[in-house]
Protein backbone atom coordinates (compact mmCIF):
# COMPACT_ATOMS: atom_id res chain seq x y z
CA UNK A 1 26.01 -11.58 -2.13
CA UNK A 2 22.94 -11.95 0.08
CA UNK A 3 21.56 -9.01 1.99
CA UNK A 4 18.81 -8.35 4.50
CA UNK A 5 15.41 -8.10 2.77
CA UNK A 6 14.41 -4.45 2.56
CA UNK A 7 11.01 -4.75 4.20
CA UNK A 8 12.59 -6.61 7.13
CA UNK A 9 14.73 -3.68 8.23
CA UNK A 10 13.32 -2.83 11.63
CA UNK A 11 12.73 -4.19 15.09
CA UNK A 12 9.02 -3.44 15.56
CA UNK A 13 6.73 -6.20 16.80
CA UNK A 14 5.06 -6.41 13.38
CA UNK A 15 8.33 -7.05 11.55
CA UNK A 16 9.54 -9.52 14.17
CA UNK A 17 6.27 -11.44 13.77
CA UNK A 18 6.76 -11.70 9.99
CA UNK A 19 10.36 -12.84 10.41
CA UNK A 20 9.26 -15.57 12.82
CA UNK A 21 6.44 -16.74 10.56
CA UNK A 22 8.33 -16.89 7.26
CA UNK A 23 10.28 -20.13 7.86
CA UNK A 24 7.10 -21.89 8.96
CA UNK A 25 5.13 -20.79 5.88
CA UNK A 26 8.08 -21.44 3.55
CA UNK A 27 8.25 -25.08 4.64
CA UNK A 28 4.79 -25.70 3.15
CA UNK A 29 3.79 -25.90 -0.52
CA UNK A 30 0.33 -24.49 0.16
CA UNK A 31 -0.86 -21.34 -1.56
CA UNK A 32 -0.07 -18.03 0.17
CA UNK A 33 -2.07 -14.80 -0.02
CA UNK A 34 -0.14 -11.67 0.97
CA UNK A 35 -2.23 -8.59 1.70
CA UNK A 36 -1.15 -5.05 2.46
CA UNK A 37 -0.94 -1.55 1.06
CA UNK A 38 1.21 -0.72 -1.95
CA UNK A 39 4.86 -0.22 -1.08
CA UNK A 40 4.86 -2.39 2.06
CA UNK A 41 7.14 -5.10 0.65
CA UNK A 42 4.75 -7.84 -0.51
CA UNK A 43 7.07 -9.01 -3.31
CA UNK A 44 10.02 -9.15 -0.93
CA UNK A 45 7.98 -11.37 1.39
CA UNK A 46 7.15 -13.59 -1.60
CA UNK A 47 10.81 -13.83 -2.67
CA UNK A 48 11.83 -14.64 0.89
CA UNK A 49 9.27 -17.46 1.05
CA UNK A 50 10.75 -18.89 -2.15
CA UNK A 51 14.36 -18.52 -0.98
CA UNK A 52 13.59 -20.25 2.33
CA UNK A 53 11.69 -23.12 0.71
CA UNK A 54 12.84 -26.40 -0.80
CA UNK A 55 12.05 -24.82 -4.20
CA UNK A 56 14.84 -22.24 -3.88
CA UNK A 57 16.92 -23.97 -6.57
CA UNK A 58 14.22 -23.44 -9.22
CA UNK A 59 12.75 -20.25 -10.70
CA UNK A 60 10.89 -17.51 -8.85
CA UNK A 61 8.61 -16.02 -11.52
CA UNK A 62 6.77 -12.76 -10.75
CA UNK A 63 3.93 -11.32 -12.81
CA UNK A 64 1.87 -8.20 -12.15
CA UNK A 65 -1.72 -9.02 -13.07
CA UNK A 66 -2.64 -5.32 -13.24
CA UNK A 67 0.17 -4.36 -15.62
CA UNK A 68 -0.62 -6.70 -18.54
CA UNK A 69 -3.42 -5.94 -21.05
CA UNK A 70 -6.53 -8.06 -20.60
CA UNK A 71 -6.20 -9.72 -24.01
CA UNK A 72 -2.59 -10.78 -23.37
CA UNK A 73 -2.60 -12.00 -19.79
CA UNK A 74 -3.87 -15.51 -20.58
CA UNK A 75 -0.96 -16.04 -22.97
CA UNK A 76 1.47 -14.60 -20.39
CA UNK A 77 0.25 -16.94 -17.68
CA UNK A 78 -0.36 -20.15 -19.61
CA UNK A 79 1.56 -19.72 -22.88
CA UNK A 80 0.31 -20.22 -26.44
CA UNK A 81 0.90 -22.32 -29.51
CA UNK A 82 2.02 -21.07 -32.91
CA UNK A 83 -0.93 -19.76 -34.93
CA UNK A 84 -3.26 -19.56 -31.92
CA UNK A 85 -4.00 -15.93 -32.78
CA UNK A 86 -2.73 -13.15 -35.02
CA UNK A 87 0.90 -12.50 -34.15
CA UNK A 88 1.53 -15.91 -32.55
CA UNK A 89 4.35 -16.80 -34.95
CA UNK A 90 6.03 -19.24 -32.53
CA UNK A 91 5.16 -21.28 -29.46
CA UNK A 92 5.44 -19.35 -26.20
CA UNK A 93 6.04 -20.83 -22.76
CA UNK A 94 3.83 -19.26 -20.10
CA UNK A 95 4.88 -18.07 -16.65
CA UNK A 96 3.45 -21.15 -14.94
CA UNK A 97 5.63 -23.44 -17.03
CA UNK A 98 8.66 -21.22 -16.41
CA UNK A 99 8.02 -21.60 -12.68
CA UNK A 100 7.82 -25.41 -12.81
CA UNK A 101 9.29 -26.86 -9.57
CA UNK A 102 9.61 -23.29 -8.30
CA UNK A 103 7.30 -20.46 -7.27
CA UNK A 104 5.07 -18.05 -9.18
CA UNK A 105 4.18 -14.69 -7.67
CA UNK A 106 0.83 -13.32 -8.86
CA UNK A 107 1.01 -9.69 -7.78
CA UNK A 108 -2.21 -7.62 -7.71
CA UNK A 109 -4.33 -10.75 -8.06
CA UNK A 110 -7.38 -8.62 -7.29
CA UNK A 111 -7.07 -7.06 -10.76
CA UNK A 112 -7.22 -10.39 -12.63
CA UNK A 113 -10.22 -10.43 -15.03
CA UNK A 114 -13.09 -12.71 -14.00
CA UNK A 115 -12.73 -14.99 -17.02
CA UNK A 116 -9.07 -15.60 -16.12
CA UNK A 117 -10.00 -16.25 -12.49
CA UNK A 118 -11.95 -19.32 -13.63
CA UNK A 119 -8.93 -20.67 -15.51
CA UNK A 120 -6.59 -19.95 -12.60
CA UNK A 121 -8.94 -21.86 -10.31
CA UNK A 122 -8.57 -24.92 -12.58
CA UNK A 123 -4.78 -24.63 -12.43
CA UNK A 124 -4.89 -24.60 -8.62
CA UNK A 125 -7.26 -27.55 -8.51
CA UNK A 126 -5.77 -29.80 -11.18
CA UNK A 127 -2.16 -28.58 -11.43
CA UNK A 128 -2.27 -28.33 -15.23
CA UNK A 129 -2.28 -25.36 -17.62
CA UNK A 130 -3.92 -25.08 -21.03
CA UNK A 131 -1.78 -23.02 -23.42
CA UNK A 132 -3.84 -20.90 -25.81
CA UNK A 133 -4.42 -22.86 -29.00
CA UNK A 134 -3.38 -26.20 -27.51
CA UNK A 135 -5.58 -29.27 -27.07
CA UNK A 136 -3.18 -30.92 -24.63
CA UNK A 137 -2.85 -29.70 -21.03
CA UNK A 138 0.61 -29.32 -19.51
CA UNK A 139 1.27 -30.52 -15.96
CA UNK A 140 3.01 -28.03 -13.64
CA UNK A 141 4.37 -28.29 -10.11
CA UNK A 142 4.29 -24.70 -8.86
CA UNK A 143 3.95 -23.00 -5.49
CA UNK A 144 1.50 -20.12 -5.97
CA UNK A 145 2.04 -16.94 -3.96
CA UNK A 146 -0.53 -14.21 -4.61
CA UNK A 147 -0.67 -10.63 -3.35
CA UNK A 148 -3.08 -7.72 -3.43
CA UNK A 149 -3.66 -4.31 -1.91
CA UNK A 150 -7.41 -4.73 -2.39
CA UNK A 151 -9.98 -5.99 0.12
CA UNK A 152 -10.88 -9.23 -1.67
CA UNK A 153 -13.92 -9.88 0.51
CA UNK A 154 -15.30 -6.50 -0.57
CA UNK A 155 -14.41 -7.37 -4.18
CA UNK A 156 -16.38 -10.62 -3.81
CA UNK A 157 -19.39 -8.70 -2.48
CA UNK A 158 -19.14 -6.36 -5.47
CA UNK A 159 -19.03 -9.30 -7.90
CA UNK A 160 -15.49 -8.58 -9.10
CA UNK A 161 -13.71 -11.55 -7.55
CA UNK A 162 -14.68 -15.22 -7.32
CA UNK A 163 -15.33 -16.50 -3.83
CA UNK A 164 -14.11 -20.03 -4.64
CA UNK A 165 -10.80 -18.65 -5.96
CA UNK A 166 -10.38 -16.53 -2.83
CA UNK A 167 -10.63 -19.58 -0.59
CA UNK A 168 -8.19 -21.46 -2.82
CA UNK A 169 -5.66 -18.65 -2.53
CA UNK A 170 -6.16 -17.75 1.13
CA UNK A 171 -4.75 -20.96 2.60
CA UNK A 172 -1.80 -19.29 4.32
CA UNK A 173 -2.51 -15.56 4.81
CA UNK A 174 0.21 -13.00 5.51
CA UNK A 175 -0.16 -9.25 5.97
CA UNK A 176 2.52 -6.62 5.47
CA UNK A 177 1.89 -3.68 7.82
CA UNK A 178 1.94 -0.06 6.60
CA UNK A 179 4.92 2.00 7.68
CA UNK A 180 2.75 4.33 9.79
CA UNK A 181 1.96 1.34 12.04
CA UNK A 182 5.65 0.70 12.68
CA UNK A 183 6.96 4.23 12.98
CA UNK A 184 9.67 3.05 15.37
CA UNK A 185 11.37 1.42 12.35
CA UNK A 186 11.70 4.70 10.42
CA UNK A 187 15.12 5.70 11.89
CA UNK A 188 16.55 2.26 11.03
CA UNK A 189 15.13 2.46 7.51
CA UNK A 190 16.54 5.96 7.02
CA UNK A 191 20.06 4.79 7.90
CA UNK A 192 19.69 1.64 5.79
CA UNK A 193 18.56 3.47 2.64
CA UNK A 194 21.04 6.31 3.17
CA UNK A 195 23.84 3.73 3.04
CA UNK A 196 22.27 1.89 0.12
CA UNK A 197 21.79 5.00 -2.02
CA UNK A 198 25.07 6.73 -1.14
CA UNK A 199 27.14 7.58 -4.22
CA UNK A 200 30.32 5.58 -4.69
CA UNK A 201 33.04 6.93 -2.43
CA UNK A 202 30.66 9.33 -0.63
CA UNK A 203 29.38 9.25 2.93
CA UNK A 204 25.64 8.55 3.42
CA UNK A 205 23.43 11.58 3.93
CA UNK A 206 22.36 12.39 7.50
CA UNK A 207 19.47 14.38 8.94
CA UNK A 208 19.34 17.34 11.28
CA UNK A 209 16.93 17.11 14.27
CA UNK A 210 14.12 19.02 12.51
CA UNK A 211 14.24 16.71 9.49
CA UNK A 212 14.53 13.54 11.59
CA UNK A 213 11.48 14.60 13.57
CA UNK A 214 9.41 15.33 10.46
CA UNK A 215 10.37 12.02 8.79
CA UNK A 216 9.40 10.14 11.95
CA UNK A 217 6.03 11.88 12.27
CA UNK A 218 5.12 11.79 8.55
CA UNK A 219 2.25 9.47 7.55
CA UNK A 220 4.16 7.73 4.67
CA UNK A 221 1.18 6.95 2.39
CA UNK A 222 3.60 5.28 -0.06
CA UNK A 223 5.13 3.20 2.76
CA UNK A 224 8.68 1.79 2.53
CA UNK A 225 8.83 2.32 -1.23
CA UNK A 226 8.12 6.04 -0.79
CA UNK A 227 10.79 6.32 1.90
CA UNK A 228 13.37 4.55 -0.27
CA UNK A 229 12.62 6.74 -3.29
CA UNK A 230 12.81 9.91 -1.19
CA UNK A 231 16.20 8.96 0.26
CA UNK A 232 17.40 8.09 -3.25
CA UNK A 233 16.37 11.60 -4.36
CA UNK A 234 18.14 13.29 -1.45
CA UNK A 235 21.27 11.14 -1.86
CA UNK A 236 21.54 12.09 -5.52
CA UNK A 237 21.00 15.83 -5.04
CA UNK A 238 22.78 16.33 -1.70
CA UNK A 239 25.38 13.58 -1.56
CA UNK A 240 27.14 13.26 1.81
CA UNK A 241 25.40 16.26 3.39
CA UNK A 242 23.56 16.73 6.68
CA UNK A 243 20.08 17.84 5.64
CA UNK A 244 17.96 20.46 7.41
CA UNK A 245 14.25 20.56 6.64
CA UNK A 246 14.06 24.35 6.52
CA UNK A 247 16.81 24.51 3.88
CA UNK A 248 14.78 22.45 1.40
CA UNK A 249 12.56 23.67 -1.39
CA UNK A 250 8.99 22.50 -0.82
CA UNK A 251 8.93 21.22 -4.42
CA UNK A 252 11.32 18.43 -3.43
CA UNK A 253 9.04 17.20 -0.67
CA UNK A 254 5.73 15.34 -0.62
CA UNK A 255 2.76 17.42 0.49
CA UNK A 256 2.77 15.97 4.01
CA UNK A 257 6.44 16.81 4.60
CA UNK A 258 5.97 20.26 3.07
CA UNK A 259 3.52 20.89 5.91
CA UNK A 260 6.28 20.19 8.46
CA UNK A 261 8.65 22.43 6.51
CA UNK A 262 6.18 25.31 6.77
CA UNK A 263 6.34 25.03 10.56
CA UNK A 264 10.12 24.65 10.54
CA UNK A 265 10.43 27.84 8.50
CA UNK A 266 8.71 29.85 11.24
CA UNK A 267 10.43 28.02 14.10
CA UNK A 268 7.30 26.21 15.30
CA UNK A 269 8.38 22.60 14.72
CA UNK A 270 8.58 21.04 18.25
CA UNK A 271 11.42 18.64 17.48
CA UNK A 272 11.91 17.54 21.08
CA UNK A 273 8.28 16.72 21.88
CA UNK A 274 7.76 13.04 21.05
CA UNK A 275 4.10 13.22 22.07
CA UNK A 276 3.43 15.60 19.18
CA UNK A 277 4.48 12.98 16.64
CA UNK A 278 2.07 10.47 18.14
CA UNK A 279 -0.76 13.01 18.10
CA UNK A 280 -0.12 13.90 14.47
CA UNK A 281 0.13 10.26 13.43
CA UNK A 282 -3.15 9.42 15.11
CA UNK A 283 -4.92 12.35 13.48
CA UNK A 284 -3.65 11.50 10.01
CA UNK A 285 -4.51 7.80 10.49
CA UNK A 286 -8.07 8.81 11.34
CA UNK A 287 -8.35 10.95 8.21
CA UNK A 288 -6.98 8.23 5.93
CA UNK A 289 -9.40 5.65 7.39
CA UNK A 290 -12.17 7.44 5.51
CA UNK A 291 -14.40 7.99 8.54
CA UNK A 292 -17.02 10.72 8.56
CA UNK A 293 -16.51 13.61 11.01
CA UNK A 294 -19.04 13.63 13.85
CA UNK A 295 -21.02 16.87 14.02
CA UNK A 296 -20.73 16.82 17.80
CA UNK A 297 -17.01 17.59 17.36
CA UNK A 298 -17.93 20.99 15.98
CA UNK A 299 -19.15 22.06 19.41
CA UNK A 300 -16.05 20.95 21.31
CA UNK A 301 -13.97 23.70 22.95
CA UNK A 302 -10.85 24.98 21.22
CA UNK A 303 -8.36 27.77 21.76
CA UNK A 304 -8.25 30.83 19.53
CA UNK A 305 -4.43 30.95 19.63
CA UNK A 306 -2.51 29.27 16.78
CA UNK A 307 -1.44 25.73 17.68
CA UNK A 308 1.52 24.01 15.99
CA UNK A 309 0.01 20.52 16.27
CA UNK A 310 -3.32 21.71 14.81
CA UNK A 311 -1.61 23.43 11.91
CA UNK A 312 0.64 20.47 11.17
CA UNK A 313 -2.24 17.98 11.30
CA UNK A 314 -4.44 19.97 8.91
CA UNK A 315 -1.60 20.71 6.51
CA UNK A 316 -0.54 17.05 6.49
CA UNK A 317 -4.08 16.21 5.32
CA UNK A 318 -4.04 18.84 2.60
CA UNK A 319 -6.54 21.02 4.50
CA UNK A 320 -6.15 24.80 4.95
CA UNK A 321 -4.65 26.19 8.11
CA UNK A 322 -7.00 28.30 10.25
CA UNK A 323 -6.87 31.86 8.86
CA UNK A 324 -6.16 34.77 11.23
CA UNK A 325 -9.75 36.01 10.93
CA UNK A 326 -11.08 32.55 11.90
CA UNK A 327 -13.85 30.49 10.28
CA UNK A 328 -17.01 28.56 11.15
CA UNK A 329 -15.69 25.17 12.29
CA UNK A 330 -19.13 23.57 12.20
CA UNK A 331 -19.69 24.76 8.61
CA UNK A 332 -16.22 23.65 7.51
CA UNK A 333 -16.60 20.15 9.00
CA UNK A 334 -20.02 19.82 7.39
CA UNK A 335 -18.43 20.62 4.01
CA UNK A 336 -15.76 17.96 4.55
CA UNK A 337 -18.38 15.42 5.64
CA UNK A 338 -20.51 16.13 2.58
CA UNK A 339 -17.51 15.83 0.25
CA UNK A 340 -16.43 12.47 1.74
CA UNK A 341 -19.96 11.05 1.46
CA UNK A 342 -20.23 12.31 -2.13
CA UNK A 343 -16.89 10.68 -3.06
CA UNK A 344 -17.88 7.40 -1.44
CA UNK A 345 -21.25 7.35 -3.23
CA UNK A 346 -19.49 7.99 -6.53
CA UNK A 347 -17.02 5.16 -5.87
CA UNK A 348 -19.83 2.68 -5.17
CA UNK A 349 -22.11 3.92 -7.97
CA UNK A 350 -24.65 5.06 -5.39
CA UNK A 351 -24.82 1.79 -3.44
CA UNK A 352 -25.77 2.93 0.07
CA UNK A 353 -24.78 -0.30 1.83
CA UNK A 354 -21.30 -0.33 0.29
CA UNK A 355 -20.92 3.40 0.98
CA UNK A 356 -21.84 2.89 4.65
CA UNK A 357 -19.23 0.12 4.87
CA UNK A 358 -16.52 2.31 3.29
CA UNK A 359 -17.28 5.18 5.68
CA UNK A 360 -17.75 2.91 8.70
CA UNK A 361 -21.16 4.33 9.63
CA UNK A 362 -24.59 2.83 10.14
CA UNK A 363 -26.70 2.61 6.99
CA UNK A 364 -29.58 4.53 8.59
CA UNK A 365 -27.20 7.27 9.71
CA UNK A 366 -25.79 7.54 6.21
CA UNK A 367 -29.27 7.82 4.65
CA UNK A 368 -30.08 10.68 7.04
CA UNK A 369 -26.90 12.50 6.02
CA UNK A 370 -27.53 11.90 2.31
CA UNK A 371 -30.95 13.50 2.71
CA UNK A 372 -29.53 16.30 4.84
CA UNK A 373 -26.91 17.26 2.24
CA UNK A 374 -29.22 16.73 -0.73
CA UNK A 375 -27.06 13.99 -2.26
CA UNK A 376 -28.30 11.24 -4.55
CA UNK A 377 -28.30 7.58 -3.57
CA UNK A 378 -28.32 6.03 -7.03
């Protein structure tokens, strides 16, 4: 029995745009590159493209390039012949041959080793595969759909991904938006997954106003997959119940939702103020973008009285709430700025240009801050 694809539940502009584009892209046999964060439904988009295409009667073959050991992935993709290596006791048909006349989904293509990228490029160019240990190439007719959560252009600049392969893959680009950018779809997704995960013979779980508000304002770093798993957890433990946020143990909640619970426990969760959700979402988006805090912000005016939005925003980011005795905001922001720059330098092995790009600041500005905080560039 067919059902609505999970990532298509919703009526936001972003989801409508994907729905409209899928039949057009599916009609082609050109290579597709799907980009987007983990948990946004890239594989579901790939399966939908296959199901809507003229190849729907043949196999849809998925493979996660990041999940297979480096020394085995060539055999998985292209197959091998008996005796090709120790343990090859029989011939093995590779994923490309299994997908003949159908579609192959190369998930996390950004994690494919460089030496395999060269061989994949030949497959895309010549439409043949070379099984390990074979001297005779095998012709394949396969629609290639690739996906990644990585920025492949940045990977090219870092020397980890081939530019020629990128242009071969990126013929028809699609992007799956993160859930935080389509927050209006969260109520629809909650109802959908509550019905899907309801125990046999039981009513779906429902949510009290405080919980509905928190779920709508939460950042959802794990996207639709995180939401589905969370509803599965609640449906198993509290089958058929109406759930109140303040009645939950914080251990059952992700850190961001535990921050909302802390406010609900003291009666400071403003469940009827929709503008608060937007403010919190914007603040968390800014933090997750990896930008460096501007020192000028430290001199901006602020009230001494506790503020629910302030507390919720900081707690959602894993930062401490302002203590009753207060603190030096300028000093605290400088510590955060230094820590972010230090992490970015570590990630890029001290490459200042790449670090500036990650933090979205000018290179000269970054150098000044590195010197100011006594950090090392290399």
